Amino acid sequence: MPVSSILPSSRRVRLLLAGLAAVVALVLAYAAGVVSAGLYAPGEDSPEAGFARDMSLHHAQAVEMGMLAYQRATNAEVRHEGYDIALTQQGQIGTMKAWLDKWHVSRSGDQAPMAWMPGGDKELTPDGRMPGMASDAELTKLNTVTGKDFDILFCQLMIRHHLGGIHMADAILKLSHNPDVTSLAESIKSGQQTEITIFTNLLTSMGAKPLQ
């Protein structure tokens, strides 16, 4: 005889209801996950999207300078750091562009640079550069100088560039709870703080100092 037939009817009802409740809970949990993934993906004007766009542009300049150092630096450590920066930050650019595609937002957007930060317009230099970015004149000079002068200028510009990147990473860490975004921001902050120490020590060894 089936066990269910000898159970009191009230208990059979309770077991049936418990089973149905468990199934419903699983279905609702799955549905909530699917819906939340859509609802909580960063939007077109979100801090996360703004950060990904702006940091990609910020990184692009570091990649340009890093490859220049790899090709032209006379100091072997400067050359190594330039290559490492170009490789690392190009990979991070790819990650951030993939996020924008995954979130179904544009890669460029129509917001001004740094608009994702509170008071972001005050973060820009008078000529519209994001924090730490080299000016056209500074990039021209970097392409012109040679030897030790190149090594020194590269380290100086990269320290300032990294300080700007860390500032942007700190800002998104305060604004976002997206685990992908905060994880990358923490990685950027940690890596660039380490590199600032390296570049500062290199400048000291070459008898120079960071830019004021």
N, C-alpha and C. Protein backbone atom coordinates (compact mmCIF):
# COMPACT_ATOMS: atom_id res chain seq x y z
N MET A 1 0.85 -1.20 0.00
CA MET A 1 0.00 0.00 0.00
C MET A 1 0.88 1.25 0.00
N PRO A 2 0.62 2.25 -0.86
CA PRO A 2 1.42 3.48 -0.88
C PRO A 2 1.40 4.17 0.46
N VAL A 3 2.59 4.74 0.80
CA VAL A 3 2.69 5.42 2.09
C VAL A 3 1.71 6.56 2.19
N SER A 4 1.51 7.28 1.06
CA SER A 4 0.62 8.44 1.10
C SER A 4 -0.79 8.06 1.49
N SER A 5 -1.20 6.79 1.20
CA SER A 5 -2.58 6.41 1.48
C SER A 5 -2.82 6.18 2.95
N ILE A 6 -1.72 5.97 3.72
CA ILE A 6 -1.93 5.72 5.14
C ILE A 6 -1.66 6.98 5.97
N LEU A 7 -1.23 8.07 5.29
CA LEU A 7 -1.02 9.32 6.00
C LEU A 7 -2.35 10.01 6.22
N PRO A 8 -2.50 10.68 7.32
CA PRO A 8 -3.73 11.46 7.54
C PRO A 8 -3.88 12.46 6.41
N SER A 9 -5.09 12.69 6.01
CA SER A 9 -5.34 13.58 4.87
C SER A 9 -4.78 14.97 5.12
N SER A 10 -4.86 15.46 6.35
CA SER A 10 -4.35 16.80 6.64
C SER A 10 -2.85 16.87 6.43
N ARG A 11 -2.15 15.78 6.76
CA ARG A 11 -0.70 15.78 6.56
C ARG A 11 -0.36 15.70 5.08
N ARG A 12 -1.16 14.92 4.31
CA ARG A 12 -0.93 14.85 2.87
C ARG A 12 -1.09 16.23 2.24
N VAL A 13 -2.08 16.96 2.72
CA VAL A 13 -2.31 18.32 2.19
C VAL A 13 -1.13 19.22 2.51
N ARG A 14 -0.61 19.12 3.76
CA ARG A 14 0.52 19.95 4.16
C ARG A 14 1.76 19.64 3.33
N LEU A 15 2.03 18.34 3.07
CA LEU A 15 3.18 17.95 2.26
C LEU A 15 3.05 18.45 0.83
N LEU A 16 1.81 18.33 0.31
CA LEU A 16 1.57 18.80 -1.05
C LEU A 16 1.78 20.30 -1.15
N LEU A 17 1.26 21.03 -0.18
CA LEU A 17 1.43 22.48 -0.18
C LEU A 17 2.89 22.89 -0.03
N ALA A 18 3.63 22.16 0.82
CA ALA A 18 5.05 22.44 1.02
C ALA A 18 5.83 22.22 -0.27
N GLY A 19 5.49 21.13 -0.97
CA GLY A 19 6.16 20.85 -2.24
C GLY A 19 5.87 21.92 -3.27
N LEU A 20 4.60 22.31 -3.34
CA LEU A 20 4.23 23.37 -4.29
C LEU A 20 4.92 24.69 -3.94
N ALA A 21 5.02 24.98 -2.64
CA ALA A 21 5.66 26.21 -2.21
C ALA A 21 7.13 26.23 -2.60
N ALA A 22 7.78 25.05 -2.47
CA ALA A 22 9.20 24.97 -2.84
C ALA A 22 9.38 25.21 -4.33
N VAL A 23 8.51 24.62 -5.16
CA VAL A 23 8.59 24.81 -6.60
C VAL A 23 8.36 26.27 -6.96
N VAL A 24 7.34 26.86 -6.36
CA VAL A 24 7.03 28.26 -6.63
C VAL A 24 8.20 29.16 -6.24
N ALA A 25 8.83 28.85 -5.08
CA ALA A 25 9.96 29.66 -4.62
C ALA A 25 11.11 29.60 -5.61
N LEU A 26 11.37 28.39 -6.13
CA LEU A 26 12.45 28.25 -7.11
C LEU A 26 12.15 29.02 -8.38
N VAL A 27 10.90 28.92 -8.85
CA VAL A 27 10.52 29.64 -10.06
C VAL A 27 10.63 31.14 -9.86
N LEU A 28 10.16 31.62 -8.72
CA LEU A 28 10.20 33.06 -8.44
C LEU A 28 11.64 33.54 -8.31
N ALA A 29 12.51 32.74 -7.68
CA ALA A 29 13.91 33.13 -7.53
C ALA A 29 14.58 33.25 -8.89
N TYR A 30 14.30 32.27 -9.76
CA TYR A 30 14.88 32.31 -11.11
C TYR A 30 14.38 33.54 -11.87
N ALA A 31 13.06 33.75 -11.79
CA ALA A 31 12.47 34.88 -12.50
C ALA A 31 13.02 36.19 -11.98
N ALA A 32 13.20 36.28 -10.67
CA ALA A 32 13.73 37.50 -10.07
C ALA A 32 15.14 37.76 -10.56
N GLY A 33 15.93 36.70 -10.67
CA GLY A 33 17.29 36.85 -11.17
C GLY A 33 17.33 37.36 -12.58
N VAL A 34 16.47 36.78 -13.43
CA VAL A 34 16.43 37.20 -14.82
C VAL A 34 15.98 38.65 -14.94
N VAL A 35 14.92 38.99 -14.19
CA VAL A 35 14.39 40.34 -14.25
C VAL A 35 15.39 41.35 -13.70
N SER A 36 16.02 41.00 -12.55
CA SER A 36 16.96 41.94 -11.95
C SER A 36 18.16 42.18 -12.85
N ALA A 37 18.58 41.16 -13.58
CA ALA A 37 19.70 41.32 -14.50
C ALA A 37 19.37 42.38 -15.55
N GLY A 38 18.10 42.40 -15.96
CA GLY A 38 17.69 43.40 -16.93
C GLY A 38 17.45 44.75 -16.30
N LEU A 39 16.79 44.74 -15.12
CA LEU A 39 16.44 45.99 -14.47
C LEU A 39 17.66 46.74 -13.95
N TYR A 40 18.64 46.01 -13.44
CA TYR A 40 19.74 46.64 -12.77
C TYR A 40 21.01 46.71 -13.60
N ALA A 41 20.94 46.36 -14.88
CA ALA A 41 22.08 46.61 -15.77
C ALA A 41 22.25 48.12 -15.88
N PRO A 42 23.47 48.62 -15.75
CA PRO A 42 23.68 50.08 -15.83
C PRO A 42 23.09 50.66 -17.11
N GLY A 43 22.46 51.81 -16.98
CA GLY A 43 21.80 52.46 -18.12
C GLY A 43 22.71 53.41 -18.86
N GLU A 44 22.16 54.02 -19.88
CA GLU A 44 22.92 54.89 -20.78
C GLU A 44 23.63 56.02 -20.04
N ASP A 45 22.97 56.62 -19.05
CA ASP A 45 23.55 57.76 -18.34
C ASP A 45 24.02 57.39 -16.93
N SER A 46 24.24 56.12 -16.68
CA SER A 46 24.64 55.66 -15.36
C SER A 46 26.10 56.00 -15.06
N PRO A 47 26.47 56.09 -13.78
CA PRO A 47 27.89 56.30 -13.45
C PRO A 47 28.78 55.20 -14.02
N GLU A 48 28.27 53.95 -14.02
CA GLU A 48 29.08 52.84 -14.52
C GLU A 48 29.40 53.00 -16.01
N ALA A 49 28.38 53.38 -16.79
CA ALA A 49 28.61 53.57 -18.23
C ALA A 49 29.55 54.75 -18.47
N GLY A 50 29.35 55.84 -17.73
CA GLY A 50 30.22 57.00 -17.87
C GLY A 50 31.65 56.67 -17.50
N PHE A 51 31.83 55.94 -16.43
CA PHE A 51 33.16 55.53 -16.01
C PHE A 51 33.83 54.68 -17.07
N ALA A 52 33.10 53.69 -17.60
CA ALA A 52 33.67 52.80 -18.61
C ALA A 52 34.10 53.57 -19.85
N ARG A 53 33.28 54.52 -20.28
CA ARG A 53 33.63 55.31 -21.47
C ARG A 53 34.85 56.20 -21.19
N ASP A 54 34.80 56.94 -20.08
CA ASP A 54 35.87 57.89 -19.80
C ASP A 54 37.18 57.19 -19.47
N MET A 55 37.11 56.10 -18.71
CA MET A 55 38.34 55.40 -18.36
C MET A 55 38.95 54.73 -19.59
N SER A 56 38.12 54.33 -20.54
CA SER A 56 38.64 53.76 -21.79
C SER A 56 39.46 54.82 -22.54
N LEU A 57 38.93 56.05 -22.60
CA LEU A 57 39.66 57.14 -23.26
C LEU A 57 40.93 57.50 -22.48
N HIS A 58 40.82 57.52 -21.17
CA HIS A 58 41.96 57.81 -20.31
C HIS A 58 43.05 56.76 -20.53
N HIS A 59 42.64 55.50 -20.52
CA HIS A 59 43.57 54.40 -20.75
C HIS A 59 44.22 54.48 -22.13
N ALA A 60 43.45 54.91 -23.13
CA ALA A 60 43.98 54.95 -24.50
C ALA A 60 45.21 55.84 -24.58
N GLN A 61 45.20 56.96 -23.84
CA GLN A 61 46.39 57.81 -23.86
C GLN A 61 47.57 57.13 -23.16
N ALA A 62 47.29 56.40 -22.09
CA ALA A 62 48.36 55.68 -21.39
C ALA A 62 48.95 54.59 -22.29
N VAL A 63 48.10 53.93 -23.07
CA VAL A 63 48.58 52.91 -24.01
C VAL A 63 49.51 53.56 -25.04
N GLU A 64 49.09 54.73 -25.56
CA GLU A 64 49.91 55.45 -26.53
C GLU A 64 51.28 55.80 -25.95
N MET A 65 51.29 56.34 -24.74
CA MET A 65 52.55 56.72 -24.11
C MET A 65 53.38 55.49 -23.74
N GLY A 66 52.70 54.43 -23.30
CA GLY A 66 53.40 53.21 -22.93
C GLY A 66 54.12 52.58 -24.10
N MET A 67 53.46 52.54 -25.26
CA MET A 67 54.09 51.97 -26.44
C MET A 67 55.26 52.84 -26.91
N LEU A 68 55.12 54.14 -26.73
CA LEU A 68 56.21 55.04 -27.08
C LEU A 68 57.43 54.76 -26.19
N ALA A 69 57.17 54.54 -24.90
CA ALA A 69 58.27 54.22 -23.98
C ALA A 69 58.91 52.89 -24.33
N TYR A 70 58.11 51.92 -24.69
CA TYR A 70 58.65 50.61 -25.07
C TYR A 70 59.57 50.72 -26.28
N GLN A 71 59.24 51.62 -27.18
CA GLN A 71 60.02 51.78 -28.40
C GLN A 71 61.25 52.67 -28.21
N ARG A 72 61.15 53.67 -27.30
CA ARG A 72 62.18 54.72 -27.31
C ARG A 72 62.94 54.90 -26.00
N ALA A 73 62.47 54.34 -24.91
CA ALA A 73 63.16 54.56 -23.63
C ALA A 73 64.57 53.96 -23.66
N THR A 74 65.49 54.65 -23.01
CA THR A 74 66.85 54.12 -22.91
C THR A 74 67.04 53.34 -21.62
N ASN A 75 66.25 53.65 -20.61
CA ASN A 75 66.29 52.92 -19.34
C ASN A 75 65.46 51.64 -19.50
N ALA A 76 66.07 50.49 -19.22
CA ALA A 76 65.40 49.20 -19.43
C ALA A 76 64.13 49.07 -18.59
N GLU A 77 64.16 49.60 -17.36
CA GLU A 77 62.98 49.49 -16.49
C GLU A 77 61.85 50.38 -16.99
N VAL A 78 62.20 51.55 -17.48
CA VAL A 78 61.18 52.43 -18.08
C VAL A 78 60.55 51.74 -19.28
N ARG A 79 61.38 51.13 -20.09
CA ARG A 79 60.88 50.43 -21.28
C ARG A 79 59.95 49.28 -20.87
N HIS A 80 60.33 48.53 -19.85
CA HIS A 80 59.50 47.42 -19.36
C HIS A 80 58.17 47.93 -18.82
N GLU A 81 58.22 49.00 -18.03
CA GLU A 81 56.98 49.55 -17.46
C GLU A 81 56.06 50.07 -18.56
N GLY A 82 56.64 50.69 -19.58
CA GLY A 82 55.82 51.19 -20.68
C GLY A 82 55.08 50.07 -21.38
N TYR A 83 55.78 48.98 -21.64
CA TYR A 83 55.15 47.83 -22.29
C TYR A 83 54.05 47.24 -21.41
N ASP A 84 54.34 47.11 -20.12
CA ASP A 84 53.36 46.52 -19.20
C ASP A 84 52.11 47.37 -19.11
N ILE A 85 52.27 48.70 -19.07
CA ILE A 85 51.12 49.60 -19.02
C ILE A 85 50.29 49.47 -20.29
N ALA A 86 50.96 49.47 -21.44
CA ALA A 86 50.24 49.37 -22.71
C ALA A 86 49.45 48.06 -22.78
N LEU A 87 50.06 46.97 -22.37
CA LEU A 87 49.40 45.66 -22.43
C LEU A 87 48.23 45.59 -21.45
N THR A 88 48.47 46.00 -20.22
CA THR A 88 47.44 45.91 -19.18
C THR A 88 46.24 46.81 -19.48
N GLN A 89 46.52 48.05 -19.83
CA GLN A 89 45.43 49.00 -20.01
C GLN A 89 44.67 48.75 -21.31
N GLN A 90 45.33 48.20 -22.33
CA GLN A 90 44.59 47.83 -23.54
C GLN A 90 43.63 46.70 -23.23
N GLY A 91 44.05 45.76 -22.40
CA GLY A 91 43.15 44.68 -21.98
C GLY A 91 41.96 45.20 -21.20
N GLN A 92 42.20 46.17 -20.33
CA GLN A 92 41.11 46.75 -19.54
C GLN A 92 40.15 47.55 -20.42
N ILE A 93 40.67 48.19 -21.46
CA ILE A 93 39.80 48.87 -22.42
C ILE A 93 38.85 47.86 -23.06
N GLY A 94 39.38 46.71 -23.45
CA GLY A 94 38.54 45.67 -24.04
C GLY A 94 37.46 45.21 -23.08
N THR A 95 37.81 45.07 -21.81
CA THR A 95 36.82 44.66 -20.80
C THR A 95 35.71 45.69 -20.68
N MET A 96 36.07 46.96 -20.61
CA MET A 96 35.06 48.01 -20.43
C MET A 96 34.17 48.18 -21.66
N LYS A 97 34.73 48.02 -22.84
CA LYS A 97 33.91 48.08 -24.05
C LYS A 97 32.95 46.90 -24.10
N ALA A 98 33.40 45.75 -23.64
CA ALA A 98 32.51 44.58 -23.59
C ALA A 98 31.36 44.81 -22.62
N TRP A 99 31.63 45.50 -21.50
CA TRP A 99 30.53 45.84 -20.58
C TRP A 99 29.49 46.69 -21.28
N LEU A 100 29.94 47.72 -21.95
CA LEU A 100 29.00 48.64 -22.61
C LEU A 100 28.12 47.89 -23.61
N ASP A 101 28.71 46.96 -24.34
CA ASP A 101 27.92 46.15 -25.28
C ASP A 101 26.94 45.26 -24.52
N LYS A 102 27.40 44.65 -23.44
CA LYS A 102 26.56 43.76 -22.63
C LYS A 102 25.39 44.52 -22.02
N TRP A 103 25.64 45.76 -21.63
CA TRP A 103 24.58 46.57 -21.01
C TRP A 103 23.66 47.21 -22.04
N HIS A 104 23.96 47.02 -23.32
CA HIS A 104 23.17 47.59 -24.42
C HIS A 104 23.12 49.11 -24.35
N VAL A 105 24.28 49.69 -24.06
CA VAL A 105 24.42 51.15 -24.10
C VAL A 105 25.52 51.48 -25.11
N SER A 106 25.54 52.73 -25.57
CA SER A 106 26.51 53.11 -26.60
C SER A 106 27.92 53.20 -26.01
N ARG A 107 28.90 52.98 -26.86
CA ARG A 107 30.29 53.06 -26.42
C ARG A 107 30.77 54.50 -26.25
N SER A 108 30.09 55.43 -26.88
CA SER A 108 30.51 56.83 -26.81
C SER A 108 29.60 57.66 -25.90
N GLY A 109 28.29 57.50 -26.05
CA GLY A 109 27.35 58.29 -25.24
C GLY A 109 27.33 59.74 -25.68
N ASP A 110 26.41 60.50 -25.11
CA ASP A 110 26.31 61.92 -25.48
C ASP A 110 26.58 62.84 -24.29
N GLN A 111 27.06 62.27 -23.18
CA GLN A 111 27.38 63.09 -22.03
C GLN A 111 28.79 63.66 -22.16
N ALA A 112 29.02 64.80 -21.52
CA ALA A 112 30.36 65.38 -21.50
C ALA A 112 31.27 64.51 -20.63
N PRO A 113 32.57 64.56 -20.87
CA PRO A 113 33.50 63.80 -20.03
C PRO A 113 33.31 64.13 -18.55
N MET A 114 33.36 63.12 -17.72
CA MET A 114 33.25 63.21 -16.26
C MET A 114 31.87 63.62 -15.77
N ALA A 115 30.87 63.62 -16.65
CA ALA A 115 29.51 63.99 -16.23
C ALA A 115 28.92 62.99 -15.25
N TRP A 116 29.46 61.78 -15.21
CA TRP A 116 28.96 60.74 -14.30
C TRP A 116 29.34 61.01 -12.85
N MET A 117 30.29 61.93 -12.62
CA MET A 117 30.69 62.29 -11.27
C MET A 117 29.93 63.52 -10.79
N PRO A 118 29.56 63.59 -9.52
CA PRO A 118 28.95 64.82 -9.01
C PRO A 118 29.90 65.99 -9.21
N GLY A 119 29.42 67.05 -9.82
CA GLY A 119 30.28 68.19 -10.11
C GLY A 119 31.37 67.87 -11.09
N GLY A 120 31.08 66.92 -11.99
CA GLY A 120 32.11 66.42 -12.90
C GLY A 120 32.70 67.46 -13.82
N ASP A 121 31.93 68.51 -14.16
CA ASP A 121 32.47 69.53 -15.06
C ASP A 121 33.64 70.27 -14.42
N LYS A 122 33.71 70.26 -13.10
CA LYS A 122 34.81 70.92 -12.39
C LYS A 122 36.06 70.05 -12.37
N GLU A 123 35.93 68.79 -12.80
CA GLU A 123 37.06 67.88 -12.82
C GLU A 123 37.96 68.10 -14.03
N LEU A 124 37.45 68.77 -15.05
CA LEU A 124 38.18 68.94 -16.29
C LEU A 124 39.13 70.12 -16.23
N THR A 125 40.22 70.03 -16.98
CA THR A 125 41.14 71.16 -17.12
C THR A 125 40.47 72.21 -18.01
N PRO A 126 40.98 73.44 -18.04
CA PRO A 126 40.37 74.48 -18.89
C PRO A 126 40.24 74.08 -20.36
N ASP A 127 41.15 73.23 -20.84
CA ASP A 127 41.06 72.81 -22.25
C ASP A 127 40.31 71.49 -22.42
N GLY A 128 39.61 71.04 -21.33
CA GLY A 128 38.70 69.90 -21.45
C GLY A 128 39.30 68.53 -21.22
N ARG A 129 40.53 68.48 -20.69
CA ARG A 129 41.14 67.18 -20.42
C ARG A 129 40.65 66.58 -19.10
N MET A 130 40.55 65.24 -19.07
CA MET A 130 40.20 64.55 -17.84
C MET A 130 41.40 64.56 -16.89
N PRO A 131 41.17 64.27 -15.60
CA PRO A 131 42.25 64.35 -14.61
C PRO A 131 43.48 63.55 -15.01
N GLY A 132 44.64 64.21 -14.96
CA GLY A 132 45.90 63.54 -15.18
C GLY A 132 46.34 63.38 -16.62
N MET A 133 45.46 63.65 -17.57
CA MET A 133 45.83 63.43 -18.96
C MET A 133 46.81 64.48 -19.47
N ALA A 134 47.74 64.04 -20.31
CA ALA A 134 48.73 64.94 -20.89
C ALA A 134 48.09 65.82 -21.95
N SER A 135 48.61 67.03 -22.08
CA SER A 135 48.12 67.95 -23.11
C SER A 135 48.75 67.59 -24.46
N ASP A 136 48.22 68.18 -25.51
CA ASP A 136 48.79 67.96 -26.84
C ASP A 136 50.25 68.41 -26.88
N ALA A 137 50.53 69.52 -26.22
CA ALA A 137 51.90 70.05 -26.20
C ALA A 137 52.84 69.08 -25.48
N GLU A 138 52.35 68.50 -24.39
CA GLU A 138 53.19 67.54 -23.64
C GLU A 138 53.43 66.27 -24.45
N LEU A 139 52.42 65.82 -25.17
CA LEU A 139 52.60 64.63 -26.02
C LEU A 139 53.57 64.92 -27.16
N THR A 140 53.48 66.13 -27.70
CA THR A 140 54.42 66.52 -28.76
C THR A 140 55.84 66.51 -28.22
N LYS A 141 56.02 67.05 -27.03
CA LYS A 141 57.35 67.07 -26.41
C LYS A 141 57.86 65.66 -26.16
N LEU A 142 56.95 64.77 -25.68
CA LEU A 142 57.35 63.38 -25.42
C LEU A 142 57.81 62.70 -26.71
N ASN A 143 57.21 63.07 -27.81
CA ASN A 143 57.59 62.50 -29.11
C ASN A 143 58.87 63.12 -29.66
N THR A 144 59.30 64.22 -29.04
CA THR A 144 60.46 64.95 -29.56
C THR A 144 61.73 64.66 -28.77
N VAL A 145 61.64 64.63 -27.44
CA VAL A 145 62.83 64.45 -26.61
C VAL A 145 63.39 63.04 -26.77
N THR A 146 64.65 62.89 -26.43
CA THR A 146 65.31 61.59 -26.57
C THR A 146 66.15 61.28 -25.33
N GLY A 147 66.63 60.04 -25.28
CA GLY A 147 67.55 59.63 -24.21
C GLY A 147 66.96 59.76 -22.82
N LYS A 148 67.79 60.21 -21.88
CA LYS A 148 67.37 60.35 -20.48
C LYS A 148 66.23 61.34 -20.34
N ASP A 149 66.23 62.38 -21.17
CA ASP A 149 65.14 63.37 -21.10
C ASP A 149 63.79 62.71 -21.40
N PHE A 150 63.78 61.79 -22.34
CA PHE A 150 62.54 61.06 -22.63
C PHE A 150 62.13 60.23 -21.43
N ASP A 151 63.07 59.49 -20.86
CA ASP A 151 62.75 58.62 -19.72
C ASP A 151 62.15 59.41 -18.56
N ILE A 152 62.75 60.57 -18.29
CA ILE A 152 62.26 61.41 -17.18
C ILE A 152 60.86 61.93 -17.48
N LEU A 153 60.66 62.48 -18.66
CA LEU A 153 59.35 63.05 -18.99
C LEU A 153 58.27 61.97 -19.00
N PHE A 154 58.58 60.80 -19.51
CA PHE A 154 57.59 59.73 -19.50
C PHE A 154 57.17 59.39 -18.07
N CYS A 155 58.14 59.23 -17.19
CA CYS A 155 57.82 58.91 -15.79
C CYS A 155 56.99 60.02 -15.15
N GLN A 156 57.35 61.26 -15.43
CA GLN A 156 56.61 62.39 -14.85
C GLN A 156 55.16 62.42 -15.34
N LEU A 157 54.98 62.27 -16.65
CA LEU A 157 53.63 62.31 -17.21
C LEU A 157 52.80 61.12 -16.74
N MET A 158 53.45 59.96 -16.59
CA MET A 158 52.70 58.78 -16.20
C MET A 158 52.28 58.82 -14.73
N ILE A 159 53.11 59.41 -13.88
CA ILE A 159 52.71 59.57 -12.48
C ILE A 159 51.45 60.42 -12.41
N ARG A 160 51.45 61.55 -13.09
CA ARG A 160 50.28 62.43 -13.07
C ARG A 160 49.07 61.74 -13.70
N HIS A 161 49.31 61.00 -14.77
CA HIS A 161 48.23 60.27 -15.44
C HIS A 161 47.61 59.24 -14.48
N HIS A 162 48.45 58.51 -13.78
CA HIS A 162 47.96 57.51 -12.82
C HIS A 162 47.20 58.15 -11.67
N LEU A 163 47.67 59.28 -11.19
CA LEU A 163 46.95 59.97 -10.11
C LEU A 163 45.53 60.33 -10.56
N GLY A 164 45.39 60.75 -11.81
CA GLY A 164 44.06 61.03 -12.35
C GLY A 164 43.22 59.77 -12.46
N GLY A 165 43.84 58.68 -12.89
CA GLY A 165 43.11 57.41 -12.99
C GLY A 165 42.64 56.91 -11.63
N ILE A 166 43.49 57.05 -10.63
CA ILE A 166 43.12 56.63 -9.27
C ILE A 166 41.96 57.48 -8.75
N HIS A 167 42.00 58.77 -9.05
CA HIS A 167 40.91 59.67 -8.65
C HIS A 167 39.58 59.21 -9.26
N MET A 168 39.61 58.82 -10.51
CA MET A 168 38.40 58.33 -11.18
C MET A 168 37.95 56.99 -10.60
N ALA A 169 38.91 56.12 -10.29
CA ALA A 169 38.58 54.81 -9.69
C ALA A 169 37.94 55.01 -8.31
N ASP A 170 38.50 55.92 -7.51
CA ASP A 170 37.92 56.21 -6.19
C ASP A 170 36.49 56.71 -6.32
N ALA A 171 36.24 57.54 -7.34
CA ALA A 171 34.90 58.10 -7.52
C ALA A 171 33.88 57.01 -7.84
N ILE A 172 34.21 56.09 -8.74
CA ILE A 172 33.23 55.06 -9.10
C ILE A 172 33.04 54.08 -7.95
N LEU A 173 34.05 53.88 -7.14
CA LEU A 173 33.90 52.99 -5.98
C LEU A 173 32.88 53.55 -4.99
N LYS A 174 32.73 54.87 -4.96
CA LYS A 174 31.74 55.49 -4.08
C LYS A 174 30.34 55.49 -4.70
N LEU A 175 30.27 55.38 -6.01
CA LEU A 175 28.99 55.52 -6.71
C LEU A 175 28.35 54.21 -7.15
N SER A 176 29.16 53.16 -7.26
CA SER A 176 28.65 51.92 -7.85
C SER A 176 28.73 50.74 -6.89
N HIS A 177 27.76 49.84 -7.06
CA HIS A 177 27.79 48.55 -6.35
C HIS A 177 27.87 47.40 -7.34
N ASN A 178 28.11 47.72 -8.61
CA ASN A 178 28.25 46.68 -9.62
C ASN A 178 29.56 45.94 -9.37
N PRO A 179 29.53 44.63 -9.10
CA PRO A 179 30.75 43.91 -8.71
C PRO A 179 31.82 43.90 -9.79
N ASP A 180 31.43 43.84 -11.06
CA ASP A 180 32.43 43.86 -12.14
C ASP A 180 33.16 45.20 -12.15
N VAL A 181 32.38 46.27 -12.04
CA VAL A 181 32.95 47.61 -12.11
C VAL A 181 33.84 47.90 -10.90
N THR A 182 33.35 47.58 -9.71
CA THR A 182 34.15 47.87 -8.51
C THR A 182 35.41 47.01 -8.46
N SER A 183 35.32 45.78 -8.95
CA SER A 183 36.51 44.91 -8.98
C SER A 183 37.59 45.49 -9.89
N LEU A 184 37.19 45.96 -11.06
CA LEU A 184 38.16 46.55 -11.98
C LEU A 184 38.71 47.85 -11.41
N ALA A 185 37.85 48.65 -10.81
CA ALA A 185 38.30 49.92 -10.23
C ALA A 185 39.34 49.68 -9.13
N GLU A 186 39.10 48.67 -8.30
CA GLU A 186 40.07 48.33 -7.25
C GLU A 186 41.39 47.87 -7.86
N SER A 187 41.31 47.10 -8.94
CA SER A 187 42.51 46.62 -9.62
C SER A 187 43.29 47.78 -10.23
N ILE A 188 42.57 48.71 -10.86
CA ILE A 188 43.22 49.89 -11.44
C ILE A 188 43.92 50.69 -10.34
N LYS A 189 43.21 50.92 -9.26
CA LYS A 189 43.77 51.71 -8.16
C LYS A 189 45.03 51.07 -7.59
N SER A 190 44.95 49.79 -7.31
CA SER A 190 46.09 49.08 -6.71
C SER A 190 47.29 49.05 -7.66
N GLY A 191 47.03 48.71 -8.93
CA GLY A 191 48.12 48.61 -9.90
C GLY A 191 48.80 49.95 -10.15
N GLN A 192 48.00 51.00 -10.24
CA GLN A 192 48.58 52.30 -10.56
C GLN A 192 49.28 52.92 -9.36
N GLN A 193 48.82 52.62 -8.15
CA GLN A 193 49.55 53.08 -6.97
C GLN A 193 50.93 52.44 -6.92
N THR A 194 51.00 51.16 -7.24
CA THR A 194 52.29 50.47 -7.28
C THR A 194 53.21 51.09 -8.33
N GLU A 195 52.65 51.39 -9.50
CA GLU A 195 53.46 51.96 -10.58
C GLU A 195 53.91 53.38 -10.27
N ILE A 196 53.11 54.13 -9.54
CA ILE A 196 53.54 55.48 -9.12
C ILE A 196 54.80 55.38 -8.27
N THR A 197 54.83 54.41 -7.36
CA THR A 197 56.02 54.20 -6.53
C THR A 197 57.22 53.86 -7.40
N ILE A 198 57.02 52.99 -8.37
CA ILE A 198 58.11 52.60 -9.27
C ILE A 198 58.63 53.81 -10.04
N PHE A 199 57.72 54.61 -10.60
CA PHE A 199 58.14 55.77 -11.39
C PHE A 199 58.81 56.84 -10.52
N THR A 200 58.32 57.00 -9.30
CA THR A 200 58.93 57.97 -8.39
C THR A 200 60.36 57.56 -8.07
N ASN A 201 60.56 56.28 -7.82
CA ASN A 201 61.91 55.78 -7.54
C ASN A 201 62.82 55.92 -8.77
N LEU A 202 62.25 55.68 -9.95
CA LEU A 202 63.04 55.85 -11.17
C LEU A 202 63.47 57.30 -11.35
N LEU A 203 62.55 58.23 -11.10
CA LEU A 203 62.90 59.64 -11.20
C LEU A 203 64.02 60.01 -10.23
N THR A 204 63.93 59.50 -9.01
CA THR A 204 64.98 59.77 -8.02
C THR A 204 66.33 59.26 -8.51
N SER A 205 66.32 58.07 -9.10
CA SER A 205 67.57 57.49 -9.58
C SER A 205 68.15 58.29 -10.75
N MET A 206 67.28 59.03 -11.44
CA MET A 206 67.73 59.84 -12.59
C MET A 206 67.94 61.31 -12.20
N GLY A 207 67.82 61.61 -10.91
CA GLY A 207 68.03 62.97 -10.42
C GLY A 207 66.90 63.92 -10.76
N ALA A 208 65.68 63.39 -10.87
CA ALA A 208 64.52 64.22 -11.22
C ALA A 208 63.40 64.02 -10.21
N LYS A 209 62.34 64.84 -10.35
CA LYS A 209 61.20 64.79 -9.45
C LYS A 209 59.90 64.76 -10.24
N PRO A 210 58.81 64.33 -9.61
CA PRO A 210 57.49 64.39 -10.28
C PRO A 210 57.12 65.83 -10.61
N LEU A 211 56.21 65.99 -11.58
CA LEU A 211 55.70 67.31 -11.94
C LEU A 211 54.88 67.87 -10.78
N GLN A 212 54.91 69.16 -10.62
CA GLN A 212 54.12 69.83 -9.58
C GLN A 212 52.72 70.13 -10.09
